[in-house]
Protein backbone atom coordinates (compact mmCIF):
# COMPACT_ATOMS: atom_id res chain seq x y z
CA MET A 1 -29.70 -55.36 -0.76
CA GLY A 2 -31.07 -54.73 2.68
CA ASP A 3 -32.57 -57.91 4.09
CA TYR A 4 -32.22 -59.82 0.78
CA ARG A 5 -29.37 -62.07 -0.29
CA TYR A 6 -28.22 -63.60 -3.60
CA CYS A 7 -29.80 -60.83 -5.67
CA SER A 8 -29.21 -60.99 -9.42
CA PHE A 9 -30.77 -60.00 -12.72
CA SER A 10 -30.45 -61.66 -16.13
CA ILE A 11 -31.29 -60.60 -19.65
CA THR A 12 -30.77 -62.49 -22.91
CA GLY A 13 -29.72 -60.98 -26.18
CA LYS A 14 -27.41 -61.29 -29.16
CA GLY A 15 -23.67 -60.88 -28.69
CA ARG A 16 -21.47 -59.93 -31.63
CA PHE A 17 -17.72 -60.32 -31.94
CA MET A 18 -14.96 -60.98 -34.45
CA PRO A 19 -11.93 -62.95 -33.24
CA THR A 20 -8.55 -61.70 -34.47
CA GLU A 21 -5.80 -63.94 -35.82
CA GLN A 22 -4.22 -63.96 -32.33
CA ALA A 23 -7.42 -65.14 -30.61
CA ASP A 24 -8.19 -68.69 -29.55
CA PRO A 25 -12.00 -68.49 -29.76
CA HIS A 26 -14.28 -70.94 -27.98
CA ILE A 27 -16.87 -70.09 -30.64
CA GLY A 28 -16.22 -68.82 -34.16
CA GLU A 29 -13.25 -68.32 -36.46
CA ALA A 30 -10.63 -65.60 -36.89
CA ASN A 31 -11.75 -62.58 -38.92
CA LYS A 32 -15.35 -63.82 -39.14
CA LEU A 33 -18.17 -61.91 -37.44
CA GLU A 34 -20.14 -64.11 -35.05
CA VAL A 35 -23.59 -63.51 -33.61
CA VAL A 36 -24.57 -65.69 -30.65
CA GLU A 37 -27.30 -65.85 -28.04
CA GLU A 38 -25.90 -64.68 -24.71
CA GLU A 39 -27.11 -64.03 -21.20
CA GLN A 40 -26.00 -60.98 -19.24
CA ILE A 41 -26.04 -61.54 -15.50
CA GLU A 42 -25.86 -58.73 -12.97
CA VAL A 43 -25.00 -59.58 -9.37
CA ILE A 44 -24.33 -57.63 -6.22
CA CYS A 45 -21.45 -58.48 -3.92
CA GLU A 46 -19.54 -56.90 -1.10
CA ARG A 47 -16.62 -54.76 -2.25
CA SER A 48 -14.27 -56.88 -0.14
CA LYS A 49 -15.23 -59.97 -2.18
CA ALA A 50 -15.27 -58.41 -5.67
CA LYS A 51 -11.81 -59.66 -6.73
CA GLN A 52 -12.66 -63.17 -5.54
CA VAL A 53 -15.98 -63.12 -7.45
CA ILE A 54 -14.27 -61.89 -10.65
CA ALA A 55 -11.56 -64.57 -10.36
CA ALA A 56 -14.23 -67.28 -9.97
CA LEU A 57 -16.10 -65.96 -13.02
CA ARG A 58 -12.97 -65.95 -15.18
CA LYS A 59 -12.11 -69.49 -14.04
CA VAL A 60 -15.38 -70.99 -15.31
CA HIS A 61 -16.27 -68.69 -18.22
CA PRO A 62 -15.64 -70.34 -21.61
CA TYR A 63 -14.60 -67.15 -23.39
CA GLU A 64 -11.05 -65.79 -23.33
CA GLU A 65 -12.21 -62.35 -22.21
CA PRO A 66 -15.57 -62.19 -20.47
CA VAL A 67 -17.00 -58.70 -20.07
CA VAL A 68 -16.93 -57.53 -16.46
CA ASP A 69 -18.39 -54.14 -15.55
CA ILE A 70 -17.99 -52.99 -11.96
CA VAL A 71 -20.51 -50.41 -10.77
CA PRO A 72 -20.26 -49.17 -7.18
CA LEU A 73 -23.66 -48.69 -5.56
CA LEU A 74 -24.51 -45.75 -3.32
CA ASP A 75 -27.11 -45.65 -0.61
CA GLU A 76 -29.73 -43.00 -1.20
CA GLY A 77 -28.76 -41.43 2.11
CA ASP A 78 -25.21 -40.85 0.78
CA LEU A 79 -26.45 -38.58 -2.03
């Protein structure tokens, strides 16, 4: 982000999920709806490092399937 490094944004909220019989949940039980406090963290990284960042996240995240959204950013001049 220009002359800034290590930019991120966090927001807390309630996450909802229901593990299936095939799941091995860190929290909750199969076929039971769970509601938990969660933190969503948005970070910016170079495209060349994105796969490495995602692999590191999956390695330390306690859930089986963390949500990862990838949003490419455009410079205003490219519009």
